[in-house]
């Protein structure tokens, strides 16, 4: 019986692997056709959001994702950053063709065609106190002072939440300063921003932030183009296709600077692990994988490295190890495994938040 069960598992996993490789090949071919078909140039805008949206040379994950996906889908784009107060009117008046970092927080969106969510946003409660790990719903924060950015607080979804003493802030820095100064014991912010701030704390040998047991609210970034823009629907469709390919071949890992991502790539209802050898290492922890959809992982999860599908963790990690060893040989670097681990640890200890800007907060910690 055990042999039959193992054979059935191997057969099912092999079929899933074949399906993944076929789907990836088809998607890559479709993307190549799209990139050769040039559509009209669009001008898209977004409000600044630290580490996500920027135009001053600072890290901007969403800018990188959108510009790359549009370029690969055959659309030339001009991305502009403007104040949130002017963004909606600029779209309605036709001064820009749409938004490239729309977050659905309950507000009405009329007259635009929206893409699928290309980057989920998970909002957690964070705190210096480990008790925050017991929080699962907003009601658990009742009557507490909670720091939050205006971009979230001034939305319909958050206006509906009562009995919480919101401490509103104009920027990410100001929101984190509420925690540093102990003016608010809790902070609502994104999972990725918590990770970046914790990297700064760890580098400064400070205790890192704790956060709630689960996200208290979920949203995601979308592309939104006015429905009167020529080829708007086709631009959105091509963008969605490009994003799907980029999420599966490891480009997303490089652009987001995240070791592991999770997504169901073979439509079996189970999340799979995606990495890229330029950033994913054998020392990278699977538990830190960022979720691109809501599917759970299981023993049937496959692994994708640089677009190649592996049916087991052992196969994937052996491939990564081989790539690491080949890179060392090609570069003529002689180092043992301990030195390699130290090098990777140093490389991974860089936060997308500016250490100089946040130095004053770290001194108050």
Protein backbone atom coordinates (compact mmCIF):
# COMPACT_ATOMS: atom_id res chain seq x y z
CA UNK A 1 0.00 0.00 0.00
CA UNK A 2 2.82 2.39 0.88
CA UNK A 3 4.51 1.70 -2.48
CA UNK A 4 1.30 2.39 -4.38
CA UNK A 5 0.74 5.64 -2.48
CA UNK A 6 4.29 6.80 -3.17
CA UNK A 7 3.93 5.94 -6.86
CA UNK A 8 0.68 7.90 -7.06
CA UNK A 9 2.36 10.92 -5.43
CA UNK A 10 5.32 10.72 -7.83
CA UNK A 11 3.01 10.46 -10.85
CA UNK A 12 0.87 13.41 -9.71
CA UNK A 13 3.90 15.56 -8.94
CA UNK A 14 5.47 14.72 -12.31
CA UNK A 15 2.26 15.69 -14.11
CA UNK A 16 2.20 18.98 -12.17
CA UNK A 17 5.81 19.63 -13.12
CA UNK A 18 5.11 18.95 -16.82
CA UNK A 19 2.09 21.26 -16.66
CA UNK A 20 4.18 24.00 -15.04
CA UNK A 21 6.92 23.80 -17.67
CA UNK A 22 4.37 23.81 -20.50
CA UNK A 23 2.54 26.80 -19.03
CA UNK A 24 5.80 28.71 -18.51
CA UNK A 25 6.92 28.03 -22.10
CA UNK A 26 3.58 29.16 -23.51
CA UNK A 27 3.54 32.30 -21.35
CA UNK A 28 7.09 33.22 -22.36
CA UNK A 29 6.23 32.82 -26.05
CA UNK A 30 3.12 34.95 -25.62
CA UNK A 31 5.13 37.64 -23.83
CA UNK A 32 7.70 37.71 -26.64
CA UNK A 33 4.91 38.37 -29.14
CA UNK A 34 3.49 41.16 -26.96
CA UNK A 35 6.84 42.94 -26.61
CA UNK A 36 7.15 43.10 -30.40
CA UNK A 37 3.69 44.68 -30.73
CA UNK A 38 4.11 48.32 -29.74
CA UNK A 39 0.98 49.99 -28.35
CA UNK A 40 0.51 53.69 -27.61
CA UNK A 41 2.56 55.51 -25.00
CA UNK A 42 0.76 56.17 -21.71
CA UNK A 43 1.45 58.59 -18.87
CA UNK A 44 0.65 57.14 -15.46
CA UNK A 45 0.92 58.70 -12.02
CA UNK A 46 1.09 57.60 -8.39
CA UNK A 47 1.50 59.15 -4.95
CA UNK A 48 4.87 58.68 -3.20
CA UNK A 49 5.07 55.69 -0.87
CA UNK A 50 8.39 54.85 0.76
CA UNK A 51 10.19 51.87 -0.84
CA UNK A 52 7.23 51.38 -3.21
CA UNK A 53 6.77 54.58 -5.25
CA UNK A 54 9.45 57.23 -5.73
CA UNK A 55 11.07 59.41 -8.36
CA UNK A 56 14.13 60.77 -6.58
CA UNK A 57 16.47 57.82 -6.95
CA UNK A 58 15.34 56.07 -3.76
CA UNK A 59 14.20 52.40 -3.90
CA UNK A 60 10.81 52.09 -5.59
CA UNK A 61 9.58 48.52 -5.96
CA UNK A 62 6.31 49.38 -7.71
CA UNK A 63 8.02 51.68 -10.21
CA UNK A 64 10.42 48.87 -11.10
CA UNK A 65 7.68 46.26 -11.46
CA UNK A 66 5.34 48.44 -13.53
CA UNK A 67 7.94 49.89 -15.88
CA UNK A 68 9.42 46.43 -16.56
CA UNK A 69 6.04 44.74 -17.08
CA UNK A 70 4.77 47.49 -19.40
CA UNK A 71 7.99 47.45 -21.43
CA UNK A 72 7.79 43.68 -21.80
CA UNK A 73 4.14 43.89 -22.82
CA UNK A 74 4.75 46.38 -25.63
CA UNK A 75 3.69 49.63 -23.93
CA UNK A 76 5.91 52.67 -23.52
CA UNK A 77 5.10 54.40 -20.23
CA UNK A 78 5.97 57.68 -18.59
CA UNK A 79 5.65 57.27 -14.81
CA UNK A 80 5.09 60.40 -12.74
CA UNK A 81 4.95 60.88 -8.96
CA UNK A 82 2.56 63.50 -7.55
CA UNK A 83 0.84 64.36 -4.29
CA UNK A 84 -2.16 62.21 -3.39
CA UNK A 85 -4.39 65.30 -3.26
CA UNK A 86 -3.81 65.98 -6.96
CA UNK A 87 -3.81 62.41 -8.25
CA UNK A 88 -7.53 61.77 -8.66
CA UNK A 89 -8.24 65.09 -10.38
CA UNK A 90 -5.27 64.60 -12.73
CA UNK A 91 -6.77 61.30 -13.93
CA UNK A 92 -10.31 62.67 -14.27
CA UNK A 93 -9.14 65.78 -16.14
CA UNK A 94 -7.07 63.70 -18.55
CA UNK A 95 -3.73 65.20 -17.54
CA UNK A 96 -2.54 61.63 -17.02
CA UNK A 97 -3.86 58.39 -18.52
CA UNK A 98 -4.25 56.60 -15.21
CA UNK A 99 -2.61 55.39 -12.01
CA UNK A 100 0.14 52.80 -11.70
CA UNK A 101 -0.13 52.10 -7.95
CA UNK A 102 -3.86 52.08 -7.22
CA UNK A 103 -4.74 50.60 -3.83
CA UNK A 104 -8.34 49.48 -3.41
CA UNK A 105 -9.25 50.61 0.10
CA UNK A 106 -13.00 50.88 -0.47
CA UNK A 107 -12.96 54.03 -2.57
CA UNK A 108 -14.98 54.31 -5.79
CA UNK A 109 -13.10 53.85 -9.06
CA UNK A 110 -15.15 54.97 -12.05
CA UNK A 111 -14.17 55.48 -15.66
CA UNK A 112 -11.04 53.31 -15.46
CA UNK A 113 -10.06 49.77 -16.38
CA UNK A 114 -8.05 48.06 -13.69
CA UNK A 115 -5.51 45.25 -13.87
CA UNK A 116 -5.31 42.25 -11.61
CA UNK A 117 -3.45 42.89 -8.35
CA UNK A 118 0.23 42.74 -9.32
CA UNK A 119 1.60 43.13 -5.77
CA UNK A 120 -0.46 42.25 -2.69
CA UNK A 121 -0.33 44.59 0.31
CA UNK A 122 -0.72 43.04 3.77
CA UNK A 123 -1.34 45.44 6.65
CA UNK A 124 -0.23 44.22 10.08
CA UNK A 125 -0.24 45.68 13.55
CA UNK A 126 3.37 46.11 14.73
CA UNK A 127 4.72 46.89 18.20
CA UNK A 128 7.78 46.75 20.45
CA UNK A 129 5.69 44.53 22.73
CA UNK A 130 5.43 40.82 21.89
CA UNK A 131 1.76 40.84 23.00
CA UNK A 132 0.89 42.18 19.54
CA UNK A 133 1.41 38.65 18.24
CA UNK A 134 -1.91 37.71 19.89
CA UNK A 135 -3.84 40.28 17.83
CA UNK A 136 -5.88 38.84 14.97
CA UNK A 137 -8.61 41.44 14.32
CA UNK A 138 -8.95 45.22 14.65
CA UNK A 139 -11.28 44.85 17.64
CA UNK A 140 -8.29 43.61 19.64
CA UNK A 141 -6.83 47.13 19.30
CA UNK A 142 -9.96 48.75 20.73
CA UNK A 143 -9.31 51.93 22.80
CA UNK A 144 -5.58 51.82 22.01
CA UNK A 145 -3.58 54.54 20.30
CA UNK A 146 -2.42 53.26 16.92
CA UNK A 147 -0.07 55.04 14.52
CA UNK A 148 -1.04 54.95 10.86
CA UNK A 149 -0.22 56.75 7.62
CA UNK A 150 -2.80 59.11 6.14
CA UNK A 151 -2.81 57.10 2.90
CA UNK A 152 -4.61 54.34 4.84
CA UNK A 153 -6.45 56.32 7.52
CA UNK A 154 -8.21 58.57 4.98
CA UNK A 155 -9.92 55.72 3.14
CA UNK A 156 -13.44 54.28 3.46
CA UNK A 157 -12.18 50.96 4.82
CA UNK A 158 -10.46 52.59 7.80
CA UNK A 159 -13.16 55.19 8.42
CA UNK A 160 -15.49 52.30 9.20
CA UNK A 161 -13.23 51.10 12.04
CA UNK A 162 -14.41 52.63 15.31
CA UNK A 163 -13.12 52.78 18.89
CA UNK A 164 -9.44 52.99 17.92
CA UNK A 165 -7.48 56.15 18.68
CA UNK A 166 -5.81 56.72 15.32
CA UNK A 167 -2.61 58.72 15.35
CA UNK A 168 -2.46 59.90 11.74
CA UNK A 169 0.87 60.61 10.04
CA UNK A 170 1.80 62.14 6.67
CA UNK A 171 4.67 59.74 5.95
CA UNK A 172 6.15 56.32 6.70
CA UNK A 173 8.96 57.92 8.72
CA UNK A 174 6.50 59.85 10.91
CA UNK A 175 4.45 56.70 11.53
CA UNK A 176 7.48 54.74 12.71
CA UNK A 177 8.54 57.73 14.84
CA UNK A 178 5.32 57.30 16.85
CA UNK A 179 6.64 53.90 17.94
CA UNK A 180 10.19 55.10 18.52
CA UNK A 181 8.98 57.92 20.80
CA UNK A 182 6.47 55.63 22.57
CA UNK A 183 3.65 57.99 21.63
CA UNK A 184 1.72 55.06 20.19
CA UNK A 185 2.22 51.44 21.31
CA UNK A 186 1.01 50.08 17.96
CA UNK A 187 1.52 50.81 14.27
CA UNK A 188 -0.49 49.70 11.25
CA UNK A 189 1.76 49.31 8.23
CA UNK A 190 2.69 46.89 5.45
CA UNK A 191 4.50 43.60 5.92
CA UNK A 192 7.33 44.67 3.62
CA UNK A 193 7.89 47.94 5.50
CA UNK A 194 8.03 46.03 8.80
CA UNK A 195 10.65 43.74 7.27
CA UNK A 196 12.74 46.70 6.07
CA UNK A 197 12.56 48.48 9.44
CA UNK A 198 13.44 45.26 11.26
CA UNK A 199 16.53 44.95 9.07
CA UNK A 200 17.63 48.41 10.25
CA UNK A 201 16.99 47.41 13.87
CA UNK A 202 18.86 44.13 13.51
CA UNK A 203 21.83 45.88 11.91
CA UNK A 204 21.86 48.25 14.89
CA UNK A 205 21.61 45.27 17.27
CA UNK A 206 18.24 46.40 18.58
CA UNK A 207 15.26 44.19 19.33
CA UNK A 208 13.11 43.90 16.23
CA UNK A 209 9.42 44.71 15.96
CA UNK A 210 6.80 42.08 16.69
CA UNK A 211 3.65 41.96 14.61
CA UNK A 212 0.14 40.55 14.63
CA UNK A 213 -0.60 36.87 14.07
CA UNK A 214 -2.15 37.63 10.69
CA UNK A 215 -2.75 40.63 8.41
CA UNK A 216 -5.59 42.79 9.71
CA UNK A 217 -6.41 44.06 6.23
CA UNK A 218 -5.44 43.01 2.70
CA UNK A 219 -5.29 45.06 -0.46
CA UNK A 220 -2.98 45.22 -3.46
CA UNK A 221 -1.45 47.44 -6.11
CA UNK A 222 -3.22 47.65 -9.46
CA UNK A 223 -2.76 49.44 -12.76
CA UNK A 224 -5.72 51.69 -13.63
CA UNK A 225 -6.13 53.26 -17.07
CA UNK A 226 -8.96 55.56 -18.15
CA UNK A 227 -11.43 53.67 -20.29
CA UNK A 228 -11.24 56.34 -23.05
CA UNK A 229 -7.50 55.80 -23.59
CA UNK A 230 -6.89 54.00 -26.93
CA UNK A 231 -6.16 50.28 -26.48
CA UNK A 232 -6.74 50.59 -22.72
CA UNK A 233 -8.14 47.07 -22.35
CA UNK A 234 -5.39 45.56 -24.47
CA UNK A 235 -2.71 47.38 -22.46
CA UNK A 236 -4.22 45.99 -19.25
CA UNK A 237 -4.49 42.45 -20.66
CA UNK A 238 -0.90 42.49 -21.90
CA UNK A 239 0.26 43.91 -18.58
CA UNK A 240 -1.49 41.10 -16.68
CA UNK A 241 0.18 38.50 -18.93
CA UNK A 242 3.62 40.08 -18.46
CA UNK A 243 3.20 40.17 -14.68
CA UNK A 244 2.22 36.50 -14.61
CA UNK A 245 5.37 35.51 -16.50
CA UNK A 246 7.61 37.77 -14.39
CA UNK A 247 6.19 36.30 -11.19
CA UNK A 248 7.01 32.78 -12.35
CA UNK A 249 10.46 33.18 -13.92
CA UNK A 250 12.14 34.92 -10.98
CA UNK A 251 12.15 38.48 -12.33
CA UNK A 252 9.84 39.51 -9.50
CA UNK A 253 12.32 38.26 -6.92
CA UNK A 254 15.06 40.45 -8.40
CA UNK A 255 12.88 43.56 -8.75
CA UNK A 256 11.37 43.20 -5.27
CA UNK A 257 14.68 42.07 -3.75
CA UNK A 258 12.91 39.20 -1.98
CA UNK A 259 14.51 35.74 -1.79
CA UNK A 260 11.40 33.59 -2.02
CA UNK A 261 7.90 34.29 -3.36
CA UNK A 262 4.82 32.09 -3.08
CA UNK A 263 2.17 31.60 -5.73
CA UNK A 264 0.09 28.79 -7.23
CA UNK A 265 1.66 28.49 -10.69
CA UNK A 266 -0.04 25.28 -11.86
CA UNK A 267 -3.64 25.95 -10.77
CA UNK A 268 -3.79 23.03 -8.33
CA UNK A 269 -4.84 25.21 -5.37
CA UNK A 270 -1.42 24.87 -3.72
CA UNK A 271 1.17 27.64 -3.49
CA UNK A 272 4.58 26.98 -5.04
CA UNK A 273 7.94 28.54 -4.18
CA UNK A 274 9.63 30.86 -6.69
CA UNK A 275 13.23 32.07 -6.54
CA UNK A 276 16.03 33.49 -8.68
CA UNK A 277 19.67 32.53 -8.39
CA UNK A 278 20.77 36.19 -8.42
CA UNK A 279 19.11 36.73 -5.04
CA UNK A 280 17.89 33.38 -3.65
CA UNK A 281 20.46 31.40 -1.68
CA UNK A 282 20.52 27.99 -0.02
CA UNK A 283 20.55 29.92 3.26
CA UNK A 284 17.32 31.76 2.34
CA UNK A 285 14.43 30.76 4.61
CA UNK A 286 11.26 29.45 2.99
CA UNK A 287 9.17 30.77 5.87
CA UNK A 288 9.99 34.33 4.76
CA UNK A 289 8.43 33.77 1.31
CA UNK A 290 6.15 36.66 0.35
CA UNK A 291 2.66 35.59 -0.71
CA UNK A 292 1.54 36.68 -4.18
CA UNK A 293 -1.83 34.93 -3.74
CA UNK A 294 -3.87 33.37 -0.95
CA UNK A 295 -3.14 29.69 -1.62
CA UNK A 296 -1.44 27.58 1.09
CA UNK A 297 1.72 25.55 0.64
CA UNK A 298 1.88 21.78 1.13
CA UNK A 299 4.15 18.79 0.53
CA UNK A 300 2.99 18.96 -3.11
CA UNK A 301 4.42 22.47 -3.62
CA UNK A 302 6.90 22.66 -6.49
CA UNK A 303 9.94 24.96 -6.66
CA UNK A 304 10.82 27.27 -9.55
CA UNK A 305 14.36 28.63 -9.86
CA UNK A 306 15.15 30.93 -12.81
CA UNK A 307 12.06 29.57 -14.57
CA UNK A 308 13.07 25.91 -14.14
CA UNK A 309 10.62 23.73 -12.22
CA UNK A 310 11.80 21.31 -9.52
CA UNK A 311 9.48 18.82 -7.85
CA UNK A 312 11.17 18.87 -4.45
CA UNK A 313 12.99 21.18 -2.07
CA UNK A 314 16.09 18.96 -2.23
CA UNK A 315 16.31 19.26 -6.03
CA UNK A 316 15.81 23.03 -5.93
CA UNK A 317 18.41 23.59 -3.21
CA UNK A 318 20.91 21.32 -4.95
CA UNK A 319 20.47 23.43 -8.08
CA UNK A 320 21.02 26.62 -6.10
CA UNK A 321 24.12 25.16 -4.46
CA UNK A 322 25.52 24.20 -7.85
CA UNK A 323 24.89 27.72 -9.19
CA UNK A 324 26.61 29.25 -6.14
CA UNK A 325 29.64 26.98 -6.52
CA UNK A 326 29.92 27.68 -10.26
CA UNK A 327 29.76 31.43 -9.62
CA UNK A 328 32.61 31.17 -7.11
CA UNK A 329 34.75 29.19 -9.57
CA UNK A 330 34.03 31.54 -12.49
CA UNK A 331 34.93 34.57 -10.42
CA UNK A 332 38.09 32.93 -9.15
CA UNK A 333 37.02 33.38 -5.54
CA UNK A 334 38.34 30.88 -3.01
CA UNK A 335 36.14 30.70 0.04
CA UNK A 336 34.77 28.03 2.29
CA UNK A 337 31.10 27.59 3.19
CA UNK A 338 31.47 29.62 6.38
CA UNK A 339 32.88 32.58 4.47
CA UNK A 340 30.11 32.27 1.87
CA UNK A 341 27.48 32.38 4.59
CA UNK A 342 29.06 35.46 6.10
CA UNK A 343 29.12 37.14 2.69
CA UNK A 344 25.45 36.37 2.09
CA UNK A 345 24.52 37.59 5.57
CA UNK A 346 26.21 40.89 4.85
CA UNK A 347 24.47 41.18 1.48
CA UNK A 348 21.08 40.44 3.00
CA UNK A 349 21.51 43.03 5.78
CA UNK A 350 20.73 45.98 3.53
CA UNK A 351 17.38 47.68 4.07
CA UNK A 352 15.49 49.59 1.39
CA UNK A 353 14.79 52.22 4.05
CA UNK A 354 17.55 54.80 4.18
CA UNK A 355 19.73 54.10 7.24
CA UNK A 356 20.86 57.72 7.53
CA UNK A 357 17.30 59.06 7.49
CA UNK A 358 16.14 56.58 10.14
CA UNK A 359 19.24 56.92 12.33
CA UNK A 360 17.48 59.38 14.66
CA UNK A 361 14.70 56.82 15.27
CA UNK A 362 17.18 54.06 15.99
CA UNK A 363 18.94 56.21 18.59
CA UNK A 364 15.61 56.61 20.41
CA UNK A 365 14.88 52.88 20.39
